[in-house]
Amino acid sequence: DRRLTEELLERRVKAVAYETIRDAAGGL
């Protein structure tokens, strides 16, 4: 979703995505 990416950048949001957080073993 490029549009949402650009919106979050323009609005200077601190966006934390569940799907890219990793644990100590490298899992999701």
PDB file of all heavy atoms in Angstrom:
ATOM      1  N   ASP A   1       0.848  -1.204   0.000  1.00  0.00           N
ATOM      2  CA  ASP A   1       0.000   0.000   0.000  1.00  0.00           C
ATOM      3  C   ASP A   1       0.884   1.256   0.000  1.00  0.00           C
ATOM      4  O   ASP A   1       1.161   1.838   1.044  1.00  0.00           O
ATOM      5  CB  ASP A   1      -0.916  -0.017   1.225  1.00  0.00           C
ATOM      6  CG  ASP A   1      -2.043   0.998   1.145  1.00  0.00           C
ATOM      7  OD1 ASP A   1      -1.913   1.982   0.396  1.00  0.00           O
ATOM      8  OD2 ASP A   1      -3.054   0.809   1.854  1.00  0.00           O
ATOM      9  N   ARG A   2       1.275   1.692  -1.180  1.00  0.00           N
ATOM     10  CA  ARG A   2       2.140   2.867  -1.295  1.00  0.00           C
ATOM     11  C   ARG A   2       1.438   4.126  -0.779  1.00  0.00           C
ATOM     12  O   ARG A   2       2.062   4.968  -0.123  1.00  0.00           O
ATOM     13  CB  ARG A   2       2.583   3.071  -2.743  1.00  0.00           C
ATOM     14  CG  ARG A   2       3.555   4.240  -2.892  1.00  0.00           C
ATOM     15  CD  ARG A   2       3.990   4.481  -4.317  1.00  0.00           C
ATOM     16  NE  ARG A   2       4.998   5.532  -4.327  1.00  0.00           N
ATOM     17  CZ  ARG A   2       6.257   5.364  -4.702  1.00  0.00           C
ATOM     18  NH1 ARG A   2       6.682   4.184  -5.102  1.00  0.00           N
ATOM     19  NH2 ARG A   2       7.107   6.376  -4.677  1.00  0.00           N
ATOM     20  N   ARG A   3       0.142   4.243  -1.072  1.00  0.00           N
ATOM     21  CA  ARG A   3      -0.564   5.464  -0.682  1.00  0.00           C
ATOM     22  C   ARG A   3      -0.571   5.633   0.832  1.00  0.00           C
ATOM     23  O   ARG A   3      -0.321   6.725   1.349  1.00  0.00           O
ATOM     24  CB  ARG A   3      -1.998   5.451  -1.218  1.00  0.00           C
ATOM     25  CG  ARG A   3      -2.744   6.726  -0.878  1.00  0.00           C
ATOM     26  CD  ARG A   3      -4.133   6.757  -1.472  1.00  0.00           C
ATOM     27  NE  ARG A   3      -4.827   7.991  -1.125  1.00  0.00           N
ATOM     28  CZ  ARG A   3      -6.083   8.252  -1.440  1.00  0.00           C
ATOM     29  NH1 ARG A   3      -6.785   7.371  -2.116  1.00  0.00           N
ATOM     30  NH2 ARG A   3      -6.644   9.391  -1.092  1.00  0.00           N
ATOM     31  N   LEU A   4      -0.859   4.549   1.556  1.00  0.00           N
ATOM     32  CA  LEU A   4      -0.861   4.649   3.012  1.00  0.00           C
ATOM     33  C   LEU A   4       0.540   4.951   3.528  1.00  0.00           C
ATOM     34  O   LEU A   4       0.701   5.747   4.460  1.00  0.00           O
ATOM     35  CB  LEU A   4      -1.386   3.356   3.645  1.00  0.00           C
ATOM     36  CG  LEU A   4      -1.400   3.331   5.173  1.00  0.00           C
ATOM     37  CD1 LEU A   4      -2.252   4.465   5.749  1.00  0.00           C
ATOM     38  CD2 LEU A   4      -1.909   1.984   5.683  1.00  0.00           C
ATOM     39  N   THR A   5       1.533   4.344   2.923  1.00  0.00           N
ATOM     40  CA  THR A   5       2.924   4.624   3.310  1.00  0.00           C
ATOM     41  C   THR A   5       3.214   6.112   3.189  1.00  0.00           C
ATOM     42  O   THR A   5       3.770   6.737   4.110  1.00  0.00           O
ATOM     43  CB  THR A   5       3.895   3.821   2.432  1.00  0.00           C
ATOM     44  OG1 THR A   5       3.608   2.426   2.561  1.00  0.00           O
ATOM     45  CG2 THR A   5       5.337   4.078   2.837  1.00  0.00           C
ATOM     46  N   GLU A   6       2.839   6.694   2.063  1.00  0.00           N
ATOM     47  CA  GLU A   6       3.099   8.119   1.835  1.00  0.00           C
ATOM     48  C   GLU A   6       2.311   8.988   2.817  1.00  0.00           C
ATOM     49  O   GLU A   6       2.817  10.012   3.294  1.00  0.00           O
ATOM     50  CB  GLU A   6       2.749   8.473   0.393  1.00  0.00           C
ATOM     51  CG  GLU A   6       3.718   7.842  -0.616  1.00  0.00           C
ATOM     52  CD  GLU A   6       3.281   8.042  -2.060  1.00  0.00           C
ATOM     53  OE1 GLU A   6       2.086   8.366  -2.277  1.00  0.00           O
ATOM     54  OE2 GLU A   6       4.123   7.867  -2.962  1.00  0.00           O
ATOM     55  N   GLU A   7       1.083   8.587   3.125  1.00  0.00           N
ATOM     56  CA  GLU A   7       0.270   9.353   4.079  1.00  0.00           C
ATOM     57  C   GLU A   7       0.910   9.339   5.468  1.00  0.00           C
ATOM     58  O   GLU A   7       0.980  10.376   6.146  1.00  0.00           O
ATOM     59  CB  GLU A   7      -1.138   8.758   4.167  1.00  0.00           C
ATOM     60  CG  GLU A   7      -2.014   9.038   2.962  1.00  0.00           C
ATOM     61  CD  GLU A   7      -2.638  10.435   2.999  1.00  0.00           C
ATOM     62  OE1 GLU A   7      -2.387  11.177   3.967  1.00  0.00           O
ATOM     63  OE2 GLU A   7      -3.367  10.769   2.047  1.00  0.00           O
ATOM     64  N   LEU A   8       1.385   8.190   5.907  1.00  0.00           N
ATOM     65  CA  LEU A   8       1.994   8.095   7.232  1.00  0.00           C
ATOM     66  C   LEU A   8       3.293   8.891   7.295  1.00  0.00           C
ATOM     67  O   LEU A   8       3.619   9.507   8.317  1.00  0.00           O
ATOM     68  CB  LEU A   8       2.245   6.629   7.588  1.00  0.00           C
ATOM     69  CG  LEU A   8       0.996   5.758   7.743  1.00  0.00           C
ATOM     70  CD1 LEU A   8       1.380   4.320   8.069  1.00  0.00           C
ATOM     71  CD2 LEU A   8       0.060   6.307   8.808  1.00  0.00           C
ATOM     72  N   LEU A   9       4.016   8.912   6.187  1.00  0.00           N
ATOM     73  CA  LEU A   9       5.249   9.709   6.141  1.00  0.00           C
ATOM     74  C   LEU A   9       4.923  11.198   6.169  1.00  0.00           C
ATOM     75  O   LEU A   9       5.542  11.968   6.913  1.00  0.00           O
ATOM     76  CB  LEU A   9       6.041   9.363   4.873  1.00  0.00           C
ATOM     77  CG  LEU A   9       6.679   7.975   4.838  1.00  0.00           C
ATOM     78  CD1 LEU A   9       7.247   7.690   3.451  1.00  0.00           C
ATOM     79  CD2 LEU A   9       7.780   7.854   5.891  1.00  0.00           C
ATOM     80  N   GLU A  10       3.942  11.591   5.372  1.00  0.00           N
ATOM     81  CA  GLU A  10       3.572  13.008   5.307  1.00  0.00           C
ATOM     82  C   GLU A  10       3.057  13.506   6.654  1.00  0.00           C
ATOM     83  O   GLU A  10       3.337  14.639   7.060  1.00  0.00           O
ATOM     84  CB  GLU A  10       2.510  13.210   4.233  1.00  0.00           C
ATOM     85  CG  GLU A  10       2.098  14.663   4.054  1.00  0.00           C
ATOM     86  CD  GLU A  10       1.059  14.841   2.957  1.00  0.00           C
ATOM     87  OE1 GLU A  10       0.936  13.951   2.092  1.00  0.00           O
ATOM     88  OE2 GLU A  10       0.358  15.875   2.980  1.00  0.00           O
ATOM     89  N   ARG A  11       2.341  12.644   7.353  1.00  0.00           N
ATOM     90  CA  ARG A  11       1.772  13.035   8.645  1.00  0.00           C
ATOM     91  C   ARG A  11       2.740  12.802   9.797  1.00  0.00           C
ATOM     92  O   ARG A  11       2.388  13.022  10.955  1.00  0.00           O
ATOM     93  CB  ARG A  11       0.452  12.286   8.868  1.00  0.00           C
ATOM     94  CG  ARG A  11      -0.610  12.682   7.848  1.00  0.00           C
ATOM     95  CD  ARG A  11      -1.853  11.798   7.935  1.00  0.00           C
ATOM     96  NE  ARG A  11      -2.762  12.080   6.821  1.00  0.00           N
ATOM     97  CZ  ARG A  11      -3.642  13.070   6.783  1.00  0.00           C
ATOM     98  NH1 ARG A  11      -3.740  13.880   7.834  1.00  0.00           N
ATOM     99  NH2 ARG A  11      -4.408  13.264   5.730  1.00  0.00           N
ATOM    100  N   ARG A  12       3.926  12.331   9.481  1.00  0.00           N
ATOM    101  CA  ARG A  12       5.013  12.157  10.458  1.00  0.00           C
ATOM    102  C   ARG A  12       4.581  11.278  11.630  1.00  0.00           C
ATOM    103  O   ARG A  12       4.781  11.581  12.805  1.00  0.00           O
ATOM    104  CB  ARG A  12       5.523  13.519  10.942  1.00  0.00           C
ATOM    105  CG  ARG A  12       6.026  14.412   9.813  1.00  0.00           C
ATOM    106  CD  ARG A  12       6.499  15.755  10.304  1.00  0.00           C
ATOM    107  NE  ARG A  12       7.680  15.625  11.165  1.00  0.00           N
ATOM    108  CZ  ARG A  12       8.929  15.510  10.747  1.00  0.00           C
ATOM    109  NH1 ARG A  12       9.190  15.489   9.431  1.00  0.00           N
ATOM    110  NH2 ARG A  12       9.931  15.407  11.587  1.00  0.00           N
ATOM    111  N   VAL A  13       3.980  10.144  11.250  1.00  0.00           N
ATOM    112  CA  VAL A  13       3.458   9.194  12.225  1.00  0.00           C
ATOM    113  C   VAL A  13       4.560   8.238  12.667  1.00  0.00           C
ATOM    114  O   VAL A  13       5.451   7.879  11.892  1.00  0.00           O
ATOM    115  CB  VAL A  13       2.293   8.389  11.597  1.00  0.00           C
ATOM    116  CG1 VAL A  13       1.835   7.273  12.513  1.00  0.00           C
ATOM    117  CG2 VAL A  13       1.144   9.319  11.260  1.00  0.00           C
ATOM    118  N   LYS A  14       4.487   7.813  13.915  1.00  0.00           N
ATOM    119  CA  LYS A  14       5.350   6.743  14.413  1.00  0.00           C
ATOM    120  C   LYS A  14       4.547   5.448  14.286  1.00  0.00           C
ATOM    121  O   LYS A  14       3.749   5.109  15.149  1.00  0.00           O
ATOM    122  CB  LYS A  14       5.749   7.008  15.862  1.00  0.00           C
ATOM    123  CG  LYS A  14       6.547   8.295  16.043  1.00  0.00           C
ATOM    124  CD  LYS A  14       6.846   8.567  17.514  1.00  0.00           C
ATOM    125  CE  LYS A  14       7.616   9.871  17.691  1.00  0.00           C
ATOM    126  NZ  LYS A  14       7.893  10.168  19.126  1.00  0.00           N
ATOM    127  N   ALA A  15       4.746   4.757  13.169  1.00  0.00           N
ATOM    128  CA  ALA A  15       3.924   3.597  12.829  1.00  0.00           C
ATOM    129  C   ALA A  15       4.671   2.310  13.150  1.00  0.00           C
ATOM    130  O   ALA A  15       5.751   2.054  12.611  1.00  0.00           O
ATOM    131  CB  ALA A  15       3.553   3.632  11.346  1.00  0.00           C
ATOM    132  N   VAL A  16       4.082   1.513  14.023  1.00  0.00           N
ATOM    133  CA  VAL A  16       4.678   0.248  14.436  1.00  0.00           C
ATOM    134  C   VAL A  16       3.813  -0.882  13.890  1.00  0.00           C
ATOM    135  O   VAL A  16       2.640  -1.016  14.251  1.00  0.00           O
ATOM    136  CB  VAL A  16       4.774   0.142  15.973  1.00  0.00           C
ATOM    137  CG1 VAL A  16       5.477  -1.146  16.376  1.00  0.00           C
ATOM    138  CG2 VAL A  16       5.505   1.355  16.543  1.00  0.00           C
ATOM    139  N   ALA A  17       4.399  -1.696  13.015  1.00  0.00           N
ATOM    140  CA  ALA A  17       3.652  -2.751  12.329  1.00  0.00           C
ATOM    141  C   ALA A  17       3.819  -4.081  13.047  1.00  0.00           C
ATOM    142  O   ALA A  17       4.937  -4.562  13.228  1.00  0.00           O
ATOM    143  CB  ALA A  17       4.118  -2.872  10.886  1.00  0.00           C
ATOM    144  N   TYR A  18       2.707  -4.666  13.437  1.00  0.00           N
ATOM    145  CA  TYR A  18       2.757  -5.972  14.080  1.00  0.00           C
ATOM    146  C   TYR A  18       3.573  -6.974  13.255  1.00  0.00           C
ATOM    147  O   TYR A  18       4.323  -7.782  13.800  1.00  0.00           O
ATOM    148  CB  TYR A  18       1.347  -6.555  14.230  1.00  0.00           C
ATOM    149  CG  TYR A  18       0.406  -5.847  15.163  1.00  0.00           C
ATOM    150  CD1 TYR A  18      -0.966  -6.057  15.059  1.00  0.00           C
ATOM    151  CD2 TYR A  18       0.850  -5.003  16.163  1.00  0.00           C
ATOM    152  CE1 TYR A  18      -1.869  -5.450  15.909  1.00  0.00           C
ATOM    153  CE2 TYR A  18      -0.035  -4.380  17.032  1.00  0.00           C
ATOM    154  CZ  TYR A  18      -1.400  -4.601  16.898  1.00  0.00           C
ATOM    155  OH  TYR A  18      -2.293  -3.990  17.740  1.00  0.00           O
ATOM    156  N   GLU A  19       3.375  -6.931  11.931  1.00  0.00           N
ATOM    157  CA  GLU A  19       3.893  -8.003  11.080  1.00  0.00           C
ATOM    158  C   GLU A  19       5.399  -7.966  10.863  1.00  0.00           C
ATOM    159  O   GLU A  19       5.972  -8.906  10.298  1.00  0.00           O
ATOM    160  CB  GLU A  19       3.179  -8.010   9.722  1.00  0.00           C
ATOM    161  CG  GLU A  19       3.515  -6.853   8.790  1.00  0.00           C
ATOM    162  CD  GLU A  19       2.669  -5.618   9.035  1.00  0.00           C
ATOM    163  OE1 GLU A  19       1.918  -5.570  10.036  1.00  0.00           O
ATOM    164  OE2 GLU A  19       2.768  -4.682   8.220  1.00  0.00           O
ATOM    165  N   THR A  20       6.087  -6.896  11.296  1.00  0.00           N
ATOM    166  CA  THR A  20       7.545  -6.864  11.106  1.00  0.00           C
ATOM    167  C   THR A  20       8.319  -6.901  12.421  1.00  0.00           C
ATOM    168  O   THR A  20       9.544  -6.869  12.414  1.00  0.00           O
ATOM    169  CB  THR A  20       7.973  -5.637  10.279  1.00  0.00           C
ATOM    170  OG1 THR A  20       7.614  -4.432  10.957  1.00  0.00           O
ATOM    171  CG2 THR A  20       7.341  -5.660   8.896  1.00  0.00           C
ATOM    172  N   ILE A  21       7.625  -6.958  13.545  1.00  0.00           N
ATOM    173  CA  ILE A  21       8.308  -7.142  14.833  1.00  0.00           C
ATOM    174  C   ILE A  21       8.846  -8.574  14.901  1.00  0.00           C
ATOM    175  O   ILE A  21       8.162  -9.520  14.515  1.00  0.00           O
ATOM    176  CB  ILE A  21       7.352  -6.878  16.014  1.00  0.00           C
ATOM    177  CG1 ILE A  21       6.998  -5.384  16.081  1.00  0.00           C
ATOM    178  CG2 ILE A  21       7.941  -7.340  17.335  1.00  0.00           C
ATOM    179  CD1 ILE A  21       5.962  -5.037  17.132  1.00  0.00           C
ATOM    180  N   ARG A  22      10.054  -8.716  15.392  1.00  0.00           N
ATOM    181  CA  ARG A  22      10.668 -10.044  15.499  1.00  0.00           C
ATOM    182  C   ARG A  22      11.042 -10.339  16.940  1.00  0.00           C
ATOM    183  O   ARG A  22      11.355  -9.426  17.713  1.00  0.00           O
ATOM    184  CB  ARG A  22      11.912 -10.152  14.607  1.00  0.00           C
ATOM    185  CG  ARG A  22      11.589 -10.170  13.113  1.00  0.00           C
ATOM    186  CD  ARG A  22      12.818 -10.470  12.287  1.00  0.00           C
ATOM    187  NE  ARG A  22      12.521 -10.554  10.870  1.00  0.00           N
ATOM    188  CZ  ARG A  22      12.179 -11.684  10.235  1.00  0.00           C
ATOM    189  NH1 ARG A  22      12.091 -12.813  10.921  1.00  0.00           N
ATOM    190  NH2 ARG A  22      11.937 -11.690   8.956  1.00  0.00           N
ATOM    191  N   ASP A  23      11.030 -11.627  17.276  1.00  0.00           N
ATOM    192  CA  ASP A  23      11.459 -12.028  18.612  1.00  0.00           C
ATOM    193  C   ASP A  23      12.934 -12.394  18.594  1.00  0.00           C
ATOM    194  O   ASP A  23      13.605 -12.269  17.558  1.00  0.00           O
ATOM    195  CB  ASP A  23      10.600 -13.183  19.142  1.00  0.00           C
ATOM    196  CG  ASP A  23      10.622 -14.409  18.235  1.00  0.00           C
ATOM    197  OD1 ASP A  23      11.600 -14.591  17.484  1.00  0.00           O
ATOM    198  OD2 ASP A  23       9.663 -15.204  18.294  1.00  0.00           O
ATOM    199  N   ALA A  24      13.445 -12.847  19.737  1.00  0.00           N
ATOM    200  CA  ALA A  24      14.879 -13.121  19.852  1.00  0.00           C
ATOM    201  C   ALA A  24      15.340 -14.224  18.912  1.00  0.00           C
ATOM    202  O   ALA A  24      16.513 -14.265  18.512  1.00  0.00           O
ATOM    203  CB  ALA A  24      15.210 -13.483  21.297  1.00  0.00           C
ATOM    204  N   ALA A  25      14.428 -15.124  18.549  1.00  0.00           N
ATOM    205  CA  ALA A  25      14.783 -16.223  17.656  1.00  0.00           C
ATOM    206  C   ALA A  25      14.596 -15.860  16.180  1.00  0.00           C
ATOM    207  O   ALA A  25      14.827 -16.690  15.298  1.00  0.00           O
ATOM    208  CB  ALA A  25      13.933 -17.444  17.992  1.00  0.00           C
ATOM    209  N   GLY A  26      14.183 -14.612  15.913  1.00  0.00           N
ATOM    210  CA  GLY A  26      13.973 -14.188  14.537  1.00  0.00           C
ATOM    211  C   GLY A  26      12.576 -14.463  14.020  1.00  0.00           C
ATOM    212  O   GLY A  26      12.285 -14.236  12.842  1.00  0.00           O
ATOM    213  N   GLY A  27      11.682 -14.971  14.892  1.00  0.00           N
ATOM    214  CA  GLY A  27      10.313 -15.244  14.476  1.00  0.00           C
ATOM    215  C   GLY A  27       9.459 -13.993  14.457  1.00  0.00           C
ATOM    216  O   GLY A  27       9.914 -12.893  14.800  1.00  0.00           O
ATOM    217  N   LEU A  28       8.216 -14.164  14.045  1.00  0.00           N
ATOM    218  CA  LEU A  28       7.273 -13.047  13.907  1.00  0.00           C
ATOM    219  C   LEU A  28       6.146 -13.258  14.925  1.00  0.00           C
ATOM    220  O   LEU A  28       5.076 -13.783  14.592  1.00  0.00           O
ATOM    221  CB  LEU A  28       6.718 -12.996  12.478  1.00  0.00           C
ATOM    222  CG  LEU A  28       7.772 -12.810  11.384  1.00  0.00           C
ATOM    223  CD1 LEU A  28       7.182 -13.100  10.013  1.00  0.00           C
ATOM    224  CD2 LEU A  28       8.365 -11.404  11.431  1.00  0.00           C
TER     225      LEU A  28
END
